[in-house]
PDB file of N, CA and C in Angstrom:
ATOM      1  N   MET A   1       0.957  -1.112  -0.089  1.00  0.00           N
ATOM      2  CA  MET A   1       0.280   0.098   0.070  1.00  0.00           C
ATOM      3  C   MET A   1       0.613   1.122  -0.205  1.00  0.00           C
ATOM      4  N   SER A   2       0.536   2.247  -0.810  1.00  0.00           N
ATOM      5  CA  SER A   2       1.323   3.344  -1.205  1.00  0.00           C
ATOM      6  C   SER A   2       0.806   4.152   0.045  1.00  0.00           C
ATOM      7  N   ILE A   3       1.802   5.390   0.476  1.00  0.00           N
ATOM      8  CA  ILE A   3       1.149   6.374   1.257  1.00  0.00           C
ATOM      9  C   ILE A   3       0.354   6.849   0.902  1.00  0.00           C
ATOM     10  N   THR A   4      -0.186   7.212  -0.253  1.00  0.00           N
ATOM     11  CA  THR A   4      -1.413   8.244  -0.581  1.00  0.00           C
ATOM     12  C   THR A   4      -2.407   7.152  -0.472  1.00  0.00           C
ATOM     13  N   GLN A   5      -2.554   5.991  -0.680  1.00  0.00           N
ATOM     14  CA  GLN A   5      -3.439   5.411  -0.405  1.00  0.00           C
ATOM     15  C   GLN A   5      -3.802   4.825   1.454  1.00  0.00           C
ATOM     16  N   GLN A   6      -2.811   4.888   2.133  1.00  0.00           N
ATOM     17  CA  GLN A   6      -2.962   5.016   3.607  1.00  0.00           C
ATOM     18  C   GLN A   6      -3.782   6.147   3.843  1.00  0.00           C
ATOM     19  N   TYR A   7      -3.366   6.987   3.093  1.00  0.00           N
ATOM     20  CA  TYR A   7      -3.668   8.425   3.841  1.00  0.00           C
ATOM     21  C   TYR A   7      -5.292   8.854   3.951  1.00  0.00           C
ATOM     22  N   LEU A   8      -5.481   8.484   2.253  1.00  0.00           N
ATOM     23  CA  LEU A   8      -6.906   7.973   1.726  1.00  0.00           C
ATOM     24  C   LEU A   8      -7.684   7.386   2.639  1.00  0.00           C
ATOM     25  N   LEU A   9      -7.302   5.877   3.052  1.00  0.00           N
ATOM     26  CA  LEU A   9      -7.901   5.442   3.933  1.00  0.00           C
ATOM     27  C   LEU A   9      -7.948   5.704   5.387  1.00  0.00           C
ATOM     28  N   ASP A  10      -6.684   6.283   5.784  1.00  0.00           N
ATOM     29  CA  ASP A  10      -6.840   6.999   7.151  1.00  0.00           C
ATOM     30  C   ASP A  10      -8.119   8.149   7.352  1.00  0.00           C
ATOM     31  N   SER A  11      -8.396   8.995   6.092  1.00  0.00           N
ATOM     32  CA  SER A  11      -9.290  10.017   6.086  1.00  0.00           C
ATOM     33  C   SER A  11     -10.627   9.429   6.009  1.00  0.00           C
ATOM     34  N   TYR A  12     -10.729   8.595   4.831  1.00  0.00           N
ATOM     35  CA  TYR A  12     -12.152   7.947   5.514  1.00  0.00           C
ATOM     36  C   TYR A  12     -12.527   7.130   6.735  1.00  0.00           C
ATOM     37  N   ARG A  13     -11.623   6.462   7.539  1.00  0.00           N
ATOM     38  CA  ARG A  13     -11.976   5.950   8.629  1.00  0.00           C
ATOM     39  C   ARG A  13     -11.825   7.280   9.743  1.00  0.00           C
ATOM     40  N   ALA A  14     -10.983   8.485   9.530  1.00  0.00           N
ATOM     41  CA  ALA A  14     -11.499   9.239  10.532  1.00  0.00           C
ATOM     42  C   ALA A  14     -12.930  10.344  10.059  1.00  0.00           C
ATOM     43  N   ARG A  15     -13.381  10.399   9.066  1.00  0.00           N
ATOM     44  CA  ARG A  15     -14.608  10.805   8.613  1.00  0.00           C
ATOM     45  C   ARG A  15     -15.688   9.936   9.053  1.00  0.00           C
ATOM     46  N   GLN A  16     -15.462   8.923   8.952  1.00  0.00           N
ATOM     47  CA  GLN A  16     -16.699   7.853   9.524  1.00  0.00           C
ATOM     48  C   GLN A  16     -16.721   8.301  11.010  1.00  0.00           C
ATOM     49  N   HIS A  17     -15.767   8.450  12.003  1.00  0.00           N
ATOM     50  CA  HIS A  17     -15.461   8.122  13.213  1.00  0.00           C
ATOM     51  C   HIS A  17     -15.855   9.777  13.323  1.00  0.00           C
ATOM     52  N   GLY A  18     -16.230  10.658  12.774  1.00  0.00           N
ATOM     53  CA  GLY A  18     -16.146  11.826  13.515  1.00  0.00           C
ATOM     54  C   GLY A  18     -14.686  12.346  14.005  1.00  0.00           C
ATOM     55  N   GLU A  19     -13.695  12.136  13.679  1.00  0.00           N
ATOM     56  CA  GLU A  19     -12.490  12.627  14.075  1.00  0.00           C
ATOM     57  C   GLU A  19     -11.985  13.581  12.674  1.00  0.00           C
ATOM     58  N   PRO A  20     -10.970  14.520  13.277  1.00  0.00           N
ATOM     59  CA  PRO A  20     -10.461  15.188  12.388  1.00  0.00           C
ATOM     60  C   PRO A  20      -9.424  14.315  11.458  1.00  0.00           C
ATOM     61  N   ILE A  21      -9.225  14.734   9.825  1.00  0.00           N
ATOM     62  CA  ILE A  21      -8.233  13.916   9.594  1.00  0.00           C
ATOM     63  C   ILE A  21      -7.019  14.155   9.365  1.00  0.00           C
ATOM     64  N   PRO A  22      -6.324  13.205   9.292  1.00  0.00           N
ATOM     65  CA  PRO A  22      -4.740  13.734   9.331  1.00  0.00           C
ATOM     66  C   PRO A  22      -4.053  14.793   8.626  1.00  0.00           C
ATOM     67  N   PRO A  23      -2.898  15.133   8.316  1.00  0.00           N
ATOM     68  CA  PRO A  23      -2.619  16.017   7.571  1.00  0.00           C
ATOM     69  C   PRO A  23      -1.471  14.959   6.454  1.00  0.00           C
ATOM     70  N   ALA A  24      -2.062  16.017   5.305  1.00  0.00           N
ATOM     71  CA  ALA A  24      -1.924  15.006   4.140  1.00  0.00           C
ATOM     72  C   ALA A  24      -0.487  14.757   4.546  1.00  0.00           C
ATOM     73  N   PRO A  25       0.270  13.741   3.378  1.00  0.00           N
ATOM     74  CA  PRO A  25       1.950  13.201   3.929  1.00  0.00           C
ATOM     75  C   PRO A  25       2.788  14.507   2.943  1.00  0.00           C
ATOM     76  N   GLY A  26       4.025  14.992   3.548  1.00  0.00           N
ATOM     77  CA  GLY A  26       4.463  16.234   3.029  1.00  0.00           C
ATOM     78  C   GLY A  26       3.940  16.981   3.579  1.00  0.00           C
ATOM     79  N   THR A  27       3.165  17.444   4.067  1.00  0.00           N
ATOM     80  CA  THR A  27       2.449  18.826   4.882  1.00  0.00           C
ATOM     81  C   THR A  27       3.634  19.560   5.465  1.00  0.00           C
ATOM     82  N   HIS A  28       4.203  18.908   6.421  1.00  0.00           N
ATOM     83  CA  HIS A  28       5.499  19.573   7.196  1.00  0.00           C
ATOM     84  C   HIS A  28       6.751  18.851   7.437  1.00  0.00           C
ATOM     85  N   ASP A  29       7.277  18.652   5.909  1.00  0.00           N
ATOM     86  CA  ASP A  29       8.467  18.424   5.833  1.00  0.00           C
ATOM     87  C   ASP A  29       9.311  19.322   5.799  1.00  0.00           C
ATOM     88  N   VAL A  30       9.294  20.867   5.351  1.00  0.00           N
ATOM     89  CA  VAL A  30      10.213  21.525   5.484  1.00  0.00           C
ATOM     90  C   VAL A  30      10.435  21.787   6.822  1.00  0.00           C
ATOM     91  N   ARG A  31       9.324  22.243   7.668  1.00  0.00           N
ATOM     92  CA  ARG A  31       9.187  22.423   8.700  1.00  0.00           C
ATOM     93  C   ARG A  31      10.464  21.697   9.840  1.00  0.00           C
ATOM     94  N   VAL A  32      10.103  20.333   9.532  1.00  0.00           N
ATOM     95  CA  VAL A  32      11.156  19.034  10.109  1.00  0.00           C
ATOM     96  C   VAL A  32      12.239  19.126   9.589  1.00  0.00           C
ATOM     97  N   ALA A  33      12.836  19.401   8.620  1.00  0.00           N
ATOM     98  CA  ALA A  33      14.127  19.394   8.004  1.00  0.00           C
ATOM     99  C   ALA A  33      14.713  21.323   8.817  1.00  0.00           C
ATOM    100  N   ARG A  34      13.615  21.876   8.946  1.00  0.00           N
ATOM    101  CA  ARG A  34      14.530  23.313   9.366  1.00  0.00           C
ATOM    102  C   ARG A  34      14.746  22.357  11.030  1.00  0.00           C
ATOM    103  N   GLU A  35      13.815  21.956  11.535  1.00  0.00           N
ATOM    104  CA  GLU A  35      14.263  21.681  12.985  1.00  0.00           C
ATOM    105  C   GLU A  35      14.833  20.812  13.114  1.00  0.00           C
ATOM    106  N   LEU A  36      15.253  19.892  12.291  1.00  0.00           N
ATOM    107  CA  LEU A  36      16.700  19.044  11.844  1.00  0.00           C
ATOM    108  C   LEU A  36      17.860  19.610  12.187  1.00  0.00           C
ATOM    109  N   ARG A  37      17.755  20.398  11.585  1.00  0.00           N
ATOM    110  CA  ARG A  37      19.387  21.383  10.866  1.00  0.00           C
ATOM    111  C   ARG A  37      19.388  22.185  12.430  1.00  0.00           C
ATOM    112  N   GLY A  38      18.609  22.721  13.137  1.00  0.00           N
ATOM    113  CA  GLY A  38      18.716  23.206  14.328  1.00  0.00           C
ATOM    114  C   GLY A  38      19.007  22.967  15.589  1.00  0.00           C
ATOM    115  N   TYR A  39      18.497  21.246  15.185  1.00  0.00           N
ATOM    116  CA  TYR A  39      18.848  20.595  16.690  1.00  0.00           C
ATOM    117  C   TYR A  39      20.391  19.563  15.896  1.00  0.00           C
ATOM    118  N   ARG A  40      20.838  19.571  15.357  1.00  0.00           N
ATOM    119  CA  ARG A  40      22.126  19.036  14.344  1.00  0.00           C
ATOM    120  C   ARG A  40      23.226  20.097  15.200  1.00  0.00           C
ATOM    121  N   GLN A  41      22.655  21.569  14.591  1.00  0.00           N
ATOM    122  CA  GLN A  41      23.602  23.044  15.440  1.00  0.00           C
ATOM    123  C   GLN A  41      23.997  23.095  16.422  1.00  0.00           C
ATOM    124  N   PHE A  42      22.642  22.757  17.375  1.00  0.00           N
ATOM    125  CA  PHE A  42      22.664  22.354  18.268  1.00  0.00           C
ATOM    126  C   PHE A  42      24.198  21.790  18.950  1.00  0.00           C
ATOM    127  N   ARG A  43      23.916  20.590  18.968  1.00  0.00           N
ATOM    128  CA  ARG A  43      24.507  19.368  18.979  1.00  0.00           C
ATOM    129  C   ARG A  43      26.132  19.359  18.836  1.00  0.00           C
ATOM    130  N   ALA A  44      26.177  20.007  18.012  1.00  0.00           N
ATOM    131  CA  ALA A  44      27.550  20.402  17.308  1.00  0.00           C
ATOM    132  C   ALA A  44      28.152  21.517  18.533  1.00  0.00           C
ATOM    133  N   VAL A  45      27.437  22.854  18.283  1.00  0.00           N
ATOM    134  CA  VAL A  45      27.721  23.757  20.081  1.00  0.00           C
ATOM    135  C   VAL A  45      28.030  23.135  21.346  1.00  0.00           C
ATOM    136  N   VAL A  46      27.160  22.287  21.490  1.00  0.00           N
ATOM    137  CA  VAL A  46      27.151  21.399  22.918  1.00  0.00           C
ATOM    138  C   VAL A  46      28.434  20.685  22.956  1.00  0.00           C
ATOM    139  N   ALA A  47      28.771  20.074  21.754  1.00  0.00           N
ATOM    140  CA  ALA A  47      29.796  19.112  21.576  1.00  0.00           C
ATOM    141  C   ALA A  47      31.622  19.990  21.739  1.00  0.00           C
ATOM    142  N   GLY A  48      31.151  21.207  21.223  1.00  0.00           N
ATOM    143  CA  GLY A  48      32.551  22.505  21.537  1.00  0.00           C
ATOM    144  C   GLY A  48      32.916  22.638  19.465  1.00  0.00           C
ATOM    145  N   HIS A  49      32.151  22.319  18.582  1.00  0.00           N
ATOM    146  CA  HIS A  49      32.509  21.945  17.121  1.00  0.00           C
ATOM    147  C   HIS A  49      32.058  23.527  16.579  1.00  0.00           C
ATOM    148  N   PRO A  50      31.937  24.085  15.689  1.00  0.00           N
ATOM    149  CA  PRO A  50      31.538  25.325  14.945  1.00  0.00           C
ATOM    150  C   PRO A  50      30.102  24.302  14.221  1.00  0.00           C
ATOM    151  N   ALA A  51      29.545  25.566  14.456  1.00  0.00           N
ATOM    152  CA  ALA A  51      27.718  25.371  14.204  1.00  0.00           C
ATOM    153  C   ALA A  51      27.701  25.131  12.415  1.00  0.00           C
ATOM    154  N   HIS A  52      28.303  26.453  11.732  1.00  0.00           N
ATOM    155  CA  HIS A  52      28.121  26.466  10.206  1.00  0.00           C
ATOM    156  C   HIS A  52      29.499  25.812   9.781  1.00  0.00           C
ATOM    157  N   GLY A  53      29.546  25.733   8.519  1.00  0.00           N
ATOM    158  CA  GLY A  53      30.639  25.263   7.944  1.00  0.00           C
ATOM    159  C   GLY A  53      31.413  24.432   7.893  1.00  0.00           C
ATOM    160  N   ARG A  54      30.864  23.245   8.686  1.00  0.00           N
ATOM    161  CA  ARG A  54      31.544  21.835   8.788  1.00  0.00           C
ATOM    162  C   ARG A  54      32.024  21.131   7.963  1.00  0.00           C
ATOM    163  N   ILE A  55      31.012  21.500   7.258  1.00  0.00           N
ATOM    164  CA  ILE A  55      30.903  20.242   5.682  1.00  0.00           C
ATOM    165  C   ILE A  55      32.291  21.041   4.489  1.00  0.00           C
ATOM    166  N   ARG A  56      32.119  22.624   4.558  1.00  0.00           N
ATOM    167  CA  ARG A  56      33.140  23.042   3.331  1.00  0.00           C
ATOM    168  C   ARG A  56      34.312  22.506   4.401  1.00  0.00           C
ATOM    169  N   GLU A  57      34.745  22.947   5.266  1.00  0.00           N
ATOM    170  CA  GLU A  57      36.435  22.949   6.250  1.00  0.00           C
ATOM    171  C   GLU A  57      36.763  21.336   5.794  1.00  0.00           C
ATOM    172  N   ALA A  58      35.491  20.295   5.894  1.00  0.00           N
ATOM    173  CA  ALA A  58      35.948  18.954   5.866  1.00  0.00           C
ATOM    174  C   ALA A  58      36.226  18.745   4.429  1.00  0.00           C
ATOM    175  N   LEU A  59      35.247  19.359   3.484  1.00  0.00           N
ATOM    176  CA  LEU A  59      36.057  19.265   1.835  1.00  0.00           C
ATOM    177  C   LEU A  59      37.347  20.125   1.565  1.00  0.00           C
ATOM    178  N   SER A  60      37.842  21.269   2.567  1.00  0.00           N
ATOM    179  CA  SER A  60      38.898  21.401   2.242  1.00  0.00           C
ATOM    180  C   SER A  60      40.404  20.677   2.978  1.00  0.00           C
ATOM    181  N   ARG A  61      39.811  19.926   4.110  1.00  0.00           N
ATOM    182  CA  ARG A  61      40.821  19.420   4.283  1.00  0.00           C
ATOM    183  C   ARG A  61      41.434  18.538   3.388  1.00  0.00           C
ATOM    184  N   TRP A  62      40.122  17.881   2.788  1.00  0.00           N
ATOM    185  CA  TRP A  62      40.457  16.527   2.446  1.00  0.00           C
ATOM    186  C   TRP A  62      40.804  16.815   0.557  1.00  0.00           C
ATOM    187  N   LEU A  63      40.671  18.233  -0.004  1.00  0.00           N
ATOM    188  CA  LEU A  63      41.056  18.387  -1.213  1.00  0.00           C
ATOM    189  C   LEU A  63      42.344  19.182  -1.054  1.00  0.00           C
ATOM    190  N   HIS A  64      42.475  20.146  -0.075  1.00  0.00           N
ATOM    191  CA  HIS A  64      44.058  20.376   0.105  1.00  0.00           C
ATOM    192  C   HIS A  64      45.173  19.593   1.092  1.00  0.00           C
ATOM    193  N   GLY A  65      44.689  18.731   1.883  1.00  0.00           N
ATOM    194  CA  GLY A  65      45.623  18.052   2.810  1.00  0.00           C
ATOM    195  C   GLY A  65      46.155  18.862   3.672  1.00  0.00           C
ATOM    196  N   ARG A  66      45.554  19.856   4.362  1.00  0.00           N
ATOM    197  CA  ARG A  66      45.875  20.332   5.179  1.00  0.00           C
ATOM    198  C   ARG A  66      44.893  20.753   6.146  1.00  0.00           C
ATOM    199  N   ARG A  67      44.912  20.991   7.831  1.00  0.00           N
ATOM    200  CA  ARG A  67      43.828  21.557   8.192  1.00  0.00           C
ATOM    201  C   ARG A  67      43.803  23.004   8.415  1.00  0.00           C
ATOM    202  N   VAL A  68      42.240  23.095   8.262  1.00  0.00           N
ATOM    203  CA  VAL A  68      42.090  24.458   8.188  1.00  0.00           C
ATOM    204  C   VAL A  68      41.246  24.970   9.445  1.00  0.00           C
ATOM    205  N   SER A  69      41.853  25.924  10.188  1.00  0.00           N
ATOM    206  CA  SER A  69      41.727  26.445  11.184  1.00  0.00           C
ATOM    207  C   SER A  69      40.652  27.910  11.708  1.00  0.00           C
ATOM    208  N   CYS A  70      39.927  27.826  12.268  1.00  0.00           N
ATOM    209  CA  CYS A  70      38.808  29.113  12.410  1.00  0.00           C
ATOM    210  C   CYS A  70      40.118  30.337  13.073  1.00  0.00           C
TER     211      CYS A  70
END
């Protein structure tokens, strides 16, 4: 069963029972991605790492073979 079919079945059952229908698939994807990014930045700061530019710094080390310091 696809996610769309499951959503339609859940919506039908919710209407039959007089309950609010669930949100459509993908409705909150952008919000979840932003919250995940914020959580990863928070974890980096708590661990003592820079919150921004970690990927660029890692690629620079890999390409140039040296350590880039802040």
